[in-house]
Amino acid sequence: VNPDEVAPLAEMIASQPNLTLRGLMAIPT
């Protein structure tokens, strides 16, 4: 996702009963 899309996706993931959001991952240039 683009950086500005992180927060709303995190909110959605946090609402899922069988997922635990642990953080962020990236593969820089």
mmCIF file of all heavy atoms, coordinates in Angstrom:
data_MODEL
# 
_entry.id   MODEL 
# 
loop_
_atom_site.group_PDB 
_atom_site.id 
_atom_site.type_symbol 
_atom_site.label_atom_id 
_atom_site.label_alt_id 
_atom_site.label_comp_id 
_atom_site.label_asym_id 
_atom_site.label_entity_id 
_atom_site.label_seq_id 
_atom_site.pdbx_PDB_ins_code 
_atom_site.Cartn_x 
_atom_site.Cartn_y 
_atom_site.Cartn_z 
_atom_site.occupancy 
_atom_site.B_iso_or_equiv 
_atom_site.pdbx_formal_charge 
_atom_site.auth_seq_id 
_atom_site.auth_comp_id 
_atom_site.auth_asym_id 
_atom_site.auth_atom_id 
_atom_site.pdbx_PDB_model_num 
ATOM 1   N N   . VAL A 1 1  ? 0.833   -1.190  0.000  1.00 0.00 ? 1  VAL A N   1 
ATOM 2   C CA  . VAL A 1 1  ? 0.000   0.000   0.000  1.00 0.00 ? 1  VAL A CA  1 
ATOM 3   C C   . VAL A 1 1  ? 0.874   1.249   0.000  1.00 0.00 ? 1  VAL A C   1 
ATOM 4   O O   . VAL A 1 1  ? 2.043   1.218   0.387  1.00 0.00 ? 1  VAL A O   1 
ATOM 5   C CB  . VAL A 1 1  ? -0.931  0.026   1.228  1.00 0.00 ? 1  VAL A CB  1 
ATOM 6   C CG1 . VAL A 1 1  ? -1.865  -1.170  1.213  1.00 0.00 ? 1  VAL A CG1 1 
ATOM 7   C CG2 . VAL A 1 1  ? -0.131  0.069   2.528  1.00 0.00 ? 1  VAL A CG2 1 
ATOM 8   N N   . ASN A 1 2  ? 0.298   2.344   -0.438 1.00 0.00 ? 2  ASN A N   1 
ATOM 9   C CA  . ASN A 1 2  ? 0.979   3.622   -0.316 1.00 0.00 ? 2  ASN A CA  1 
ATOM 10  C C   . ASN A 1 2  ? 1.000   4.026   1.158  1.00 0.00 ? 2  ASN A C   1 
ATOM 11  O O   . ASN A 1 2  ? 0.128   3.621   1.933  1.00 0.00 ? 2  ASN A O   1 
ATOM 12  C CB  . ASN A 1 2  ? 0.265   4.689   -1.140 1.00 0.00 ? 2  ASN A CB  1 
ATOM 13  C CG  . ASN A 1 2  ? 0.362   4.430   -2.636 1.00 0.00 ? 2  ASN A CG  1 
ATOM 14  O OD1 . ASN A 1 2  ? 1.370   3.920   -3.127 1.00 0.00 ? 2  ASN A OD1 1 
ATOM 15  N ND2 . ASN A 1 2  ? -0.697  4.770   -3.358 1.00 0.00 ? 2  ASN A ND2 1 
ATOM 16  N N   . PRO A 1 3  ? 1.974   4.827   1.565  1.00 0.00 ? 3  PRO A N   1 
ATOM 17  C CA  . PRO A 1 3  ? 2.048   5.215   2.982  1.00 0.00 ? 3  PRO A CA  1 
ATOM 18  C C   . PRO A 1 3  ? 0.760   5.802   3.542  1.00 0.00 ? 3  PRO A C   1 
ATOM 19  O O   . PRO A 1 3  ? 0.402   5.522   4.699  1.00 0.00 ? 3  PRO A O   1 
ATOM 20  C CB  . PRO A 1 3  ? 3.192   6.229   2.989  1.00 0.00 ? 3  PRO A CB  1 
ATOM 21  C CG  . PRO A 1 3  ? 4.101   5.767   1.887  1.00 0.00 ? 3  PRO A CG  1 
ATOM 22  C CD  . PRO A 1 3  ? 3.160   5.288   0.815  1.00 0.00 ? 3  PRO A CD  1 
ATOM 23  N N   . ASP A 1 4  ? 0.023   6.574   2.731  1.00 0.00 ? 4  ASP A N   1 
ATOM 24  C CA  . ASP A 1 4  ? -1.197  7.188   3.254  1.00 0.00 ? 4  ASP A CA  1 
ATOM 25  C C   . ASP A 1 4  ? -2.367  6.206   3.363  1.00 0.00 ? 4  ASP A C   1 
ATOM 26  O O   . ASP A 1 4  ? -3.441  6.565   3.860  1.00 0.00 ? 4  ASP A O   1 
ATOM 27  C CB  . ASP A 1 4  ? -1.596  8.396   2.408  1.00 0.00 ? 4  ASP A CB  1 
ATOM 28  C CG  . ASP A 1 4  ? -1.882  8.050   0.950  1.00 0.00 ? 4  ASP A CG  1 
ATOM 29  O OD1 . ASP A 1 4  ? -1.709  6.865   0.579  1.00 0.00 ? 4  ASP A OD1 1 
ATOM 30  O OD2 . ASP A 1 4  ? -2.256  8.947   0.182  1.00 0.00 ? 4  ASP A OD2 1 
ATOM 31  N N   . GLU A 1 5  ? -2.168  4.982   2.904  1.00 0.00 ? 5  GLU A N   1 
ATOM 32  C CA  . GLU A 1 5  ? -3.215  3.962   2.993  1.00 0.00 ? 5  GLU A CA  1 
ATOM 33  C C   . GLU A 1 5  ? -3.016  3.025   4.184  1.00 0.00 ? 5  GLU A C   1 
ATOM 34  O O   . GLU A 1 5  ? -3.844  2.147   4.437  1.00 0.00 ? 5  GLU A O   1 
ATOM 35  C CB  . GLU A 1 5  ? -3.250  3.138   1.704  1.00 0.00 ? 5  GLU A CB  1 
ATOM 36  C CG  . GLU A 1 5  ? -3.585  3.937   0.460  1.00 0.00 ? 5  GLU A CG  1 
ATOM 37  C CD  . GLU A 1 5  ? -3.416  3.131   -0.821 1.00 0.00 ? 5  GLU A CD  1 
ATOM 38  O OE1 . GLU A 1 5  ? -2.447  2.352   -0.935 1.00 0.00 ? 5  GLU A OE1 1 
ATOM 39  O OE2 . GLU A 1 5  ? -4.264  3.300   -1.721 1.00 0.00 ? 5  GLU A OE2 1 
ATOM 40  N N   . VAL A 1 6  ? -1.932  3.214   4.921  1.00 0.00 ? 6  VAL A N   1 
ATOM 41  C CA  . VAL A 1 6  ? -1.604  2.304   6.019  1.00 0.00 ? 6  VAL A CA  1 
ATOM 42  C C   . VAL A 1 6  ? -2.644  2.356   7.132  1.00 0.00 ? 6  VAL A C   1 
ATOM 43  O O   . VAL A 1 6  ? -3.148  1.323   7.587  1.00 0.00 ? 6  VAL A O   1 
ATOM 44  C CB  . VAL A 1 6  ? -0.198  2.610   6.581  1.00 0.00 ? 6  VAL A CB  1 
ATOM 45  C CG1 . VAL A 1 6  ? 0.023   1.862   7.896  1.00 0.00 ? 6  VAL A CG1 1 
ATOM 46  C CG2 . VAL A 1 6  ? 0.879   2.230   5.575  1.00 0.00 ? 6  VAL A CG2 1 
ATOM 47  N N   . ALA A 1 7  ? -2.973  3.553   7.591  1.00 0.00 ? 7  ALA A N   1 
ATOM 48  C CA  . ALA A 1 7  ? -3.859  3.692   8.756  1.00 0.00 ? 7  ALA A CA  1 
ATOM 49  C C   . ALA A 1 7  ? -5.243  3.074   8.551  1.00 0.00 ? 7  ALA A C   1 
ATOM 50  O O   . ALA A 1 7  ? -5.710  2.313   9.411  1.00 0.00 ? 7  ALA A O   1 
ATOM 51  C CB  . ALA A 1 7  ? -3.972  5.161   9.154  1.00 0.00 ? 7  ALA A CB  1 
ATOM 52  N N   . PRO A 1 8  ? -5.930  3.353   7.435  1.00 0.00 ? 8  PRO A N   1 
ATOM 53  C CA  . PRO A 1 8  ? -7.256  2.736   7.273  1.00 0.00 ? 8  PRO A CA  1 
ATOM 54  C C   . PRO A 1 8  ? -7.208  1.218   7.138  1.00 0.00 ? 8  PRO A C   1 
ATOM 55  O O   . PRO A 1 8  ? -8.096  0.519   7.638  1.00 0.00 ? 8  PRO A O   1 
ATOM 56  C CB  . PRO A 1 8  ? -7.813  3.396   6.003  1.00 0.00 ? 8  PRO A CB  1 
ATOM 57  C CG  . PRO A 1 8  ? -6.653  4.016   5.315  1.00 0.00 ? 8  PRO A CG  1 
ATOM 58  C CD  . PRO A 1 8  ? -5.672  4.351   6.379  1.00 0.00 ? 8  PRO A CD  1 
ATOM 59  N N   . LEU A 1 9  ? -6.167  0.693   6.480  1.00 0.00 ? 9  LEU A N   1 
ATOM 60  C CA  . LEU A 1 9  ? -6.053  -0.760  6.372  1.00 0.00 ? 9  LEU A CA  1 
ATOM 61  C C   . LEU A 1 9  ? -5.788  -1.371  7.745  1.00 0.00 ? 9  LEU A C   1 
ATOM 62  O O   . LEU A 1 9  ? -6.323  -2.435  8.081  1.00 0.00 ? 9  LEU A O   1 
ATOM 63  C CB  . LEU A 1 9  ? -4.949  -1.142  5.390  1.00 0.00 ? 9  LEU A CB  1 
ATOM 64  C CG  . LEU A 1 9  ? -4.725  -2.647  5.174  1.00 0.00 ? 9  LEU A CG  1 
ATOM 65  C CD1 . LEU A 1 9  ? -6.000  -3.335  4.712  1.00 0.00 ? 9  LEU A CD1 1 
ATOM 66  C CD2 . LEU A 1 9  ? -3.599  -2.895  4.175  1.00 0.00 ? 9  LEU A CD2 1 
ATOM 67  N N   . ALA A 1 10 ? -4.974  -0.701  8.551  1.00 0.00 ? 10 ALA A N   1 
ATOM 68  C CA  . ALA A 1 10 ? -4.694  -1.193  9.896  1.00 0.00 ? 10 ALA A CA  1 
ATOM 69  C C   . ALA A 1 10 ? -5.974  -1.277  10.725 1.00 0.00 ? 10 ALA A C   1 
ATOM 70  O O   . ALA A 1 10 ? -6.184  -2.245  11.481 1.00 0.00 ? 10 ALA A O   1 
ATOM 71  C CB  . ALA A 1 10 ? -3.679  -0.291  10.583 1.00 0.00 ? 10 ALA A CB  1 
ATOM 72  N N   . GLU A 1 11 ? -6.834  -0.292  10.602 1.00 0.00 ? 11 GLU A N   1 
ATOM 73  C CA  . GLU A 1 11 ? -8.099  -0.308  11.336 1.00 0.00 ? 11 GLU A CA  1 
ATOM 74  C C   . GLU A 1 11 ? -8.947  -1.499  10.924 1.00 0.00 ? 11 GLU A C   1 
ATOM 75  O O   . GLU A 1 11 ? -9.569  -2.164  11.761 1.00 0.00 ? 11 GLU A O   1 
ATOM 76  C CB  . GLU A 1 11 ? -8.866  0.996   11.092 1.00 0.00 ? 11 GLU A CB  1 
ATOM 77  C CG  . GLU A 1 11 ? -8.273  2.205   11.777 1.00 0.00 ? 11 GLU A CG  1 
ATOM 78  C CD  . GLU A 1 11 ? -8.297  2.096   13.287 1.00 0.00 ? 11 GLU A CD  1 
ATOM 79  O OE1 . GLU A 1 11 ? -9.259  1.508   13.837 1.00 0.00 ? 11 GLU A OE1 1 
ATOM 80  O OE2 . GLU A 1 11 ? -7.340  2.570   13.924 1.00 0.00 ? 11 GLU A OE2 1 
ATOM 81  N N   . MET A 1 12 ? -8.988  -1.761  9.629  1.00 0.00 ? 12 MET A N   1 
ATOM 82  C CA  . MET A 1 12 ? -9.788  -2.880  9.145  1.00 0.00 ? 12 MET A CA  1 
ATOM 83  C C   . MET A 1 12 ? -9.220  -4.203  9.658  1.00 0.00 ? 12 MET A C   1 
ATOM 84  O O   . MET A 1 12 ? -9.956  -5.094  10.112 1.00 0.00 ? 12 MET A O   1 
ATOM 85  C CB  . MET A 1 12 ? -9.813  -2.843  7.606  1.00 0.00 ? 12 MET A CB  1 
ATOM 86  C CG  . MET A 1 12 ? -10.694 -3.900  6.966  1.00 0.00 ? 12 MET A CG  1 
ATOM 87  S SD  . MET A 1 12 ? -9.797  -5.447  6.671  1.00 0.00 ? 12 MET A SD  1 
ATOM 88  C CE  . MET A 1 12 ? -11.164 -6.474  6.101  1.00 0.00 ? 12 MET A CE  1 
ATOM 89  N N   . ILE A 1 13 ? -7.895  -4.361  9.582  1.00 0.00 ? 13 ILE A N   1 
ATOM 90  C CA  . ILE A 1 13 ? -7.264  -5.604  10.042 1.00 0.00 ? 13 ILE A CA  1 
ATOM 91  C C   . ILE A 1 13 ? -7.530  -5.816  11.527 1.00 0.00 ? 13 ILE A C   1 
ATOM 92  O O   . ILE A 1 13 ? -7.819  -6.927  11.981 1.00 0.00 ? 13 ILE A O   1 
ATOM 93  C CB  . ILE A 1 13 ? -5.750  -5.569  9.760  1.00 0.00 ? 13 ILE A CB  1 
ATOM 94  C CG1 . ILE A 1 13 ? -5.493  -5.608  8.249  1.00 0.00 ? 13 ILE A CG1 1 
ATOM 95  C CG2 . ILE A 1 13 ? -5.046  -6.741  10.444 1.00 0.00 ? 13 ILE A CG2 1 
ATOM 96  C CD1 . ILE A 1 13 ? -4.046  -5.332  7.867  1.00 0.00 ? 13 ILE A CD1 1 
ATOM 97  N N   . ALA A 1 14 ? -7.429  -4.747  12.297 1.00 0.00 ? 14 ALA A N   1 
ATOM 98  C CA  . ALA A 1 14 ? -7.638  -4.844  13.740 1.00 0.00 ? 14 ALA A CA  1 
ATOM 99  C C   . ALA A 1 14 ? -9.043  -5.319  14.093 1.00 0.00 ? 14 ALA A C   1 
ATOM 100 O O   . ALA A 1 14 ? -9.264  -5.850  15.188 1.00 0.00 ? 14 ALA A O   1 
ATOM 101 C CB  . ALA A 1 14 ? -7.356  -3.497  14.402 1.00 0.00 ? 14 ALA A CB  1 
ATOM 102 N N   . SER A 1 15 ? -9.984  -5.156  13.169 1.00 0.00 ? 15 SER A N   1 
ATOM 103 C CA  . SER A 1 15 ? -11.364 -5.578  13.426 1.00 0.00 ? 15 SER A CA  1 
ATOM 104 C C   . SER A 1 15 ? -11.613 -7.041  13.096 1.00 0.00 ? 15 SER A C   1 
ATOM 105 O O   . SER A 1 15 ? -12.687 -7.566  13.397 1.00 0.00 ? 15 SER A O   1 
ATOM 106 C CB  . SER A 1 15 ? -12.330 -4.711  12.611 1.00 0.00 ? 15 SER A CB  1 
ATOM 107 O OG  . SER A 1 15 ? -12.262 -5.044  11.220 1.00 0.00 ? 15 SER A OG  1 
ATOM 108 N N   . GLN A 1 16 ? -10.633 -7.693  12.492 1.00 0.00 ? 16 GLN A N   1 
ATOM 109 C CA  . GLN A 1 16 ? -10.816 -9.090  12.082 1.00 0.00 ? 16 GLN A CA  1 
ATOM 110 C C   . GLN A 1 16 ? -10.509 -10.031 13.245 1.00 0.00 ? 16 GLN A C   1 
ATOM 111 O O   . GLN A 1 16 ? -9.423  -9.967  13.823 1.00 0.00 ? 16 GLN A O   1 
ATOM 112 C CB  . GLN A 1 16 ? -9.918  -9.408  10.889 1.00 0.00 ? 16 GLN A CB  1 
ATOM 113 C CG  . GLN A 1 16 ? -10.211 -8.573  9.658  1.00 0.00 ? 16 GLN A CG  1 
ATOM 114 C CD  . GLN A 1 16 ? -11.633 -8.720  9.174  1.00 0.00 ? 16 GLN A CD  1 
ATOM 115 O OE1 . GLN A 1 16 ? -12.103 -9.806  8.859  1.00 0.00 ? 16 GLN A OE1 1 
ATOM 116 N NE2 . GLN A 1 16 ? -12.336 -7.597  9.110  1.00 0.00 ? 16 GLN A NE2 1 
ATOM 117 N N   . PRO A 1 17 ? -11.423 -10.916 13.588 1.00 0.00 ? 17 PRO A N   1 
ATOM 118 C CA  . PRO A 1 17 ? -11.261 -11.719 14.808 1.00 0.00 ? 17 PRO A CA  1 
ATOM 119 C C   . PRO A 1 17 ? -10.111 -12.719 14.782 1.00 0.00 ? 17 PRO A C   1 
ATOM 120 O O   . PRO A 1 17 ? -9.591  -13.078 15.841 1.00 0.00 ? 17 PRO A O   1 
ATOM 121 C CB  . PRO A 1 17 ? -12.610 -12.448 14.926 1.00 0.00 ? 17 PRO A CB  1 
ATOM 122 C CG  . PRO A 1 17 ? -13.158 -12.468 13.529 1.00 0.00 ? 17 PRO A CG  1 
ATOM 123 C CD  . PRO A 1 17 ? -12.707 -11.184 12.913 1.00 0.00 ? 17 PRO A CD  1 
ATOM 124 N N   . ASN A 1 18 ? -9.710  -13.162 13.604 1.00 0.00 ? 18 ASN A N   1 
ATOM 125 C CA  . ASN A 1 18 ? -8.679  -14.194 13.534 1.00 0.00 ? 18 ASN A CA  1 
ATOM 126 C C   . ASN A 1 18 ? -7.353  -13.691 12.976 1.00 0.00 ? 18 ASN A C   1 
ATOM 127 O O   . ASN A 1 18 ? -6.530  -14.476 12.491 1.00 0.00 ? 18 ASN A O   1 
ATOM 128 C CB  . ASN A 1 18 ? -9.187  -15.379 12.724 1.00 0.00 ? 18 ASN A CB  1 
ATOM 129 C CG  . ASN A 1 18 ? -10.372 -16.051 13.390 1.00 0.00 ? 18 ASN A CG  1 
ATOM 130 O OD1 . ASN A 1 18 ? -10.354 -16.297 14.599 1.00 0.00 ? 18 ASN A OD1 1 
ATOM 131 N ND2 . ASN A 1 18 ? -11.412 -16.319 12.631 1.00 0.00 ? 18 ASN A ND2 1 
ATOM 132 N N   . LEU A 1 19 ? -7.169  -12.362 13.037 1.00 0.00 ? 19 LEU A N   1 
ATOM 133 C CA  . LEU A 1 19 ? -5.899  -11.756 12.649 1.00 0.00 ? 19 LEU A CA  1 
ATOM 134 C C   . LEU A 1 19 ? -5.385  -10.911 13.807 1.00 0.00 ? 19 LEU A C   1 
ATOM 135 O O   . LEU A 1 19 ? -6.170  -10.302 14.534 1.00 0.00 ? 19 LEU A O   1 
ATOM 136 C CB  . LEU A 1 19 ? -6.063  -10.849 11.419 1.00 0.00 ? 19 LEU A CB  1 
ATOM 137 C CG  . LEU A 1 19 ? -6.619  -11.451 10.137 1.00 0.00 ? 19 LEU A CG  1 
ATOM 138 C CD1 . LEU A 1 19 ? -6.674  -10.381 9.043  1.00 0.00 ? 19 LEU A CD1 1 
ATOM 139 C CD2 . LEU A 1 19 ? -5.800  -12.644 9.673  1.00 0.00 ? 19 LEU A CD2 1 
ATOM 140 N N   . THR A 1 20 ? -4.064  -10.878 13.959 1.00 0.00 ? 20 THR A N   1 
ATOM 141 C CA  . THR A 1 20 ? -3.427  -9.972  14.908 1.00 0.00 ? 20 THR A CA  1 
ATOM 142 C C   . THR A 1 20 ? -2.432  -9.110  14.150 1.00 0.00 ? 20 THR A C   1 
ATOM 143 O O   . THR A 1 20 ? -1.476  -9.623  13.560 1.00 0.00 ? 20 THR A O   1 
ATOM 144 C CB  . THR A 1 20 ? -2.682  -10.739 16.024 1.00 0.00 ? 20 THR A CB  1 
ATOM 145 O OG1 . THR A 1 20 ? -3.623  -11.490 16.787 1.00 0.00 ? 20 THR A OG1 1 
ATOM 146 C CG2 . THR A 1 20 ? -1.947  -9.765  16.943 1.00 0.00 ? 20 THR A CG2 1 
ATOM 147 N N   . LEU A 1 21 ? -2.671  -7.817  14.118 1.00 0.00 ? 21 LEU A N   1 
ATOM 148 C CA  . LEU A 1 21 ? -1.772  -6.899  13.433 1.00 0.00 ? 21 LEU A CA  1 
ATOM 149 C C   . LEU A 1 21 ? -0.515  -6.714  14.269 1.00 0.00 ? 21 LEU A C   1 
ATOM 150 O O   . LEU A 1 21 ? -0.580  -6.285  15.421 1.00 0.00 ? 21 LEU A O   1 
ATOM 151 C CB  . LEU A 1 21 ? -2.454  -5.553  13.209 1.00 0.00 ? 21 LEU A CB  1 
ATOM 152 C CG  . LEU A 1 21 ? -1.624  -4.481  12.501 1.00 0.00 ? 21 LEU A CG  1 
ATOM 153 C CD1 . LEU A 1 21 ? -1.245  -4.930  11.097 1.00 0.00 ? 21 LEU A CD1 1 
ATOM 154 C CD2 . LEU A 1 21 ? -2.379  -3.155  12.453 1.00 0.00 ? 21 LEU A CD2 1 
ATOM 155 N N   . ARG A 1 22 ? 0.644   -7.028  13.680 1.00 0.00 ? 22 ARG A N   1 
ATOM 156 C CA  . ARG A 1 22 ? 1.909   -6.919  14.406 1.00 0.00 ? 22 ARG A CA  1 
ATOM 157 C C   . ARG A 1 22 ? 2.753   -5.727  13.978 1.00 0.00 ? 22 ARG A C   1 
ATOM 158 O O   . ARG A 1 22 ? 3.597   -5.269  14.745 1.00 0.00 ? 22 ARG A O   1 
ATOM 159 C CB  . ARG A 1 22 ? 2.719   -8.206  14.210 1.00 0.00 ? 22 ARG A CB  1 
ATOM 160 C CG  . ARG A 1 22 ? 2.070   -9.447  14.800 1.00 0.00 ? 22 ARG A CG  1 
ATOM 161 C CD  . ARG A 1 22 ? 1.972   -9.393  16.327 1.00 0.00 ? 22 ARG A CD  1 
ATOM 162 N NE  . ARG A 1 22 ? 3.272   -9.434  16.950 1.00 0.00 ? 22 ARG A NE  1 
ATOM 163 C CZ  . ARG A 1 22 ? 3.893   -10.555 17.328 1.00 0.00 ? 22 ARG A CZ  1 
ATOM 164 N NH1 . ARG A 1 22 ? 3.294   -11.724 17.161 1.00 0.00 ? 22 ARG A NH1 1 
ATOM 165 N NH2 . ARG A 1 22 ? 5.079   -10.511 17.910 1.00 0.00 ? 22 ARG A NH2 1 
ATOM 166 N N   . GLY A 1 23 ? 2.560   -5.239  12.725 1.00 0.00 ? 23 GLY A N   1 
ATOM 167 C CA  . GLY A 1 23 ? 3.362   -4.099  12.312 1.00 0.00 ? 23 GLY A CA  1 
ATOM 168 C C   . GLY A 1 23 ? 3.412   -3.906  10.819 1.00 0.00 ? 23 GLY A C   1 
ATOM 169 O O   . GLY A 1 23 ? 2.449   -4.211  10.104 1.00 0.00 ? 23 GLY A O   1 
ATOM 170 N N   . LEU A 1 24 ? 4.556   -3.433  10.338 1.00 0.00 ? 24 LEU A N   1 
ATOM 171 C CA  . LEU A 1 24 ? 4.744   -3.080  8.937  1.00 0.00 ? 24 LEU A CA  1 
ATOM 172 C C   . LEU A 1 24 ? 5.922   -3.828  8.341  1.00 0.00 ? 24 LEU A C   1 
ATOM 173 O O   . LEU A 1 24 ? 6.863   -4.198  9.034  1.00 0.00 ? 24 LEU A O   1 
ATOM 174 C CB  . LEU A 1 24 ? 4.996   -1.573  8.801  1.00 0.00 ? 24 LEU A CB  1 
ATOM 175 C CG  . LEU A 1 24 ? 3.941   -0.628  9.357  1.00 0.00 ? 24 LEU A CG  1 
ATOM 176 C CD1 . LEU A 1 24 ? 4.396   0.818   9.189  1.00 0.00 ? 24 LEU A CD1 1 
ATOM 177 C CD2 . LEU A 1 24 ? 2.601   -0.847  8.675  1.00 0.00 ? 24 LEU A CD2 1 
ATOM 178 N N   . MET A 1 25 ? 5.861   -4.013  7.027  1.00 0.00 ? 25 MET A N   1 
ATOM 179 C CA  . MET A 1 25 ? 6.929   -4.664  6.279  1.00 0.00 ? 25 MET A CA  1 
ATOM 180 C C   . MET A 1 25 ? 7.188   -3.853  5.027  1.00 0.00 ? 25 MET A C   1 
ATOM 181 O O   . MET A 1 25 ? 6.264   -3.264  4.447  1.00 0.00 ? 25 MET A O   1 
ATOM 182 C CB  . MET A 1 25 ? 6.519   -6.094  5.919  1.00 0.00 ? 25 MET A CB  1 
ATOM 183 C CG  . MET A 1 25 ? 7.520   -6.829  5.031  1.00 0.00 ? 25 MET A CG  1 
ATOM 184 S SD  . MET A 1 25 ? 7.235   -6.624  3.246  1.00 0.00 ? 25 MET A SD  1 
ATOM 185 C CE  . MET A 1 25 ? 7.858   -8.189  2.637  1.00 0.00 ? 25 MET A CE  1 
ATOM 186 N N   . ALA A 1 26 ? 8.449   -3.806  4.593  1.00 0.00 ? 26 ALA A N   1 
ATOM 187 C CA  . ALA A 1 26 ? 8.769   -3.090  3.355  1.00 0.00 ? 26 ALA A CA  1 
ATOM 188 C C   . ALA A 1 26 ? 9.992   -3.705  2.695  1.00 0.00 ? 26 ALA A C   1 
ATOM 189 O O   . ALA A 1 26 ? 10.842  -4.319  3.349  1.00 0.00 ? 26 ALA A O   1 
ATOM 190 C CB  . ALA A 1 26 ? 9.028   -1.611  3.627  1.00 0.00 ? 26 ALA A CB  1 
ATOM 191 N N   . ILE A 1 27 ? 10.034  -3.522  1.370  1.00 0.00 ? 27 ILE A N   1 
ATOM 192 C CA  . ILE A 1 27 ? 11.203  -3.881  0.571  1.00 0.00 ? 27 ILE A CA  1 
ATOM 193 C C   . ILE A 1 27 ? 11.659  -2.597  -0.124 1.00 0.00 ? 27 ILE A C   1 
ATOM 194 O O   . ILE A 1 27 ? 11.164  -2.264  -1.202 1.00 0.00 ? 27 ILE A O   1 
ATOM 195 C CB  . ILE A 1 27 ? 10.871  -4.967  -0.475 1.00 0.00 ? 27 ILE A CB  1 
ATOM 196 C CG1 . ILE A 1 27 ? 10.219  -6.177  0.199  1.00 0.00 ? 27 ILE A CG1 1 
ATOM 197 C CG2 . ILE A 1 27 ? 12.137  -5.384  -1.237 1.00 0.00 ? 27 ILE A CG2 1 
ATOM 198 C CD1 . ILE A 1 27 ? 9.694   -7.218  -0.784 1.00 0.00 ? 27 ILE A CD1 1 
ATOM 199 N N   . PRO A 1 28 ? 12.546  -1.836  0.492  1.00 0.00 ? 28 PRO A N   1 
ATOM 200 C CA  . PRO A 1 28 ? 12.977  -0.570  -0.105 1.00 0.00 ? 28 PRO A CA  1 
ATOM 201 C C   . PRO A 1 28 ? 13.703  -0.768  -1.431 1.00 0.00 ? 28 PRO A C   1 
ATOM 202 O O   . PRO A 1 28 ? 14.017  -1.897  -1.836 1.00 0.00 ? 28 PRO A O   1 
ATOM 203 C CB  . PRO A 1 28 ? 13.908  0.024   0.957  1.00 0.00 ? 28 PRO A CB  1 
ATOM 204 C CG  . PRO A 1 28 ? 13.473  -0.618  2.231  1.00 0.00 ? 28 PRO A CG  1 
ATOM 205 C CD  . PRO A 1 28 ? 13.088  -2.012  1.830  1.00 0.00 ? 28 PRO A CD  1 
ATOM 206 N N   . THR A 1 29 ? 13.975  0.317   -2.091 1.00 0.00 ? 29 THR A N   1 
ATOM 207 C CA  . THR A 1 29 ? 14.665  0.293   -3.376 1.00 0.00 ? 29 THR A CA  1 
ATOM 208 C C   . THR A 1 29 ? 16.000  -0.441  -3.273 1.00 0.00 ? 29 THR A C   1 
ATOM 209 O O   . THR A 1 29 ? 16.780  -0.205  -2.348 1.00 0.00 ? 29 THR A O   1 
ATOM 210 C CB  . THR A 1 29 ? 14.932  1.735   -3.866 1.00 0.00 ? 29 THR A CB  1 
ATOM 211 O OG1 . THR A 1 29 ? 13.694  2.442   -3.908 1.00 0.00 ? 29 THR A OG1 1 
ATOM 212 C CG2 . THR A 1 29 ? 15.567  1.734   -5.244 1.00 0.00 ? 29 THR A CG2 1 
# 
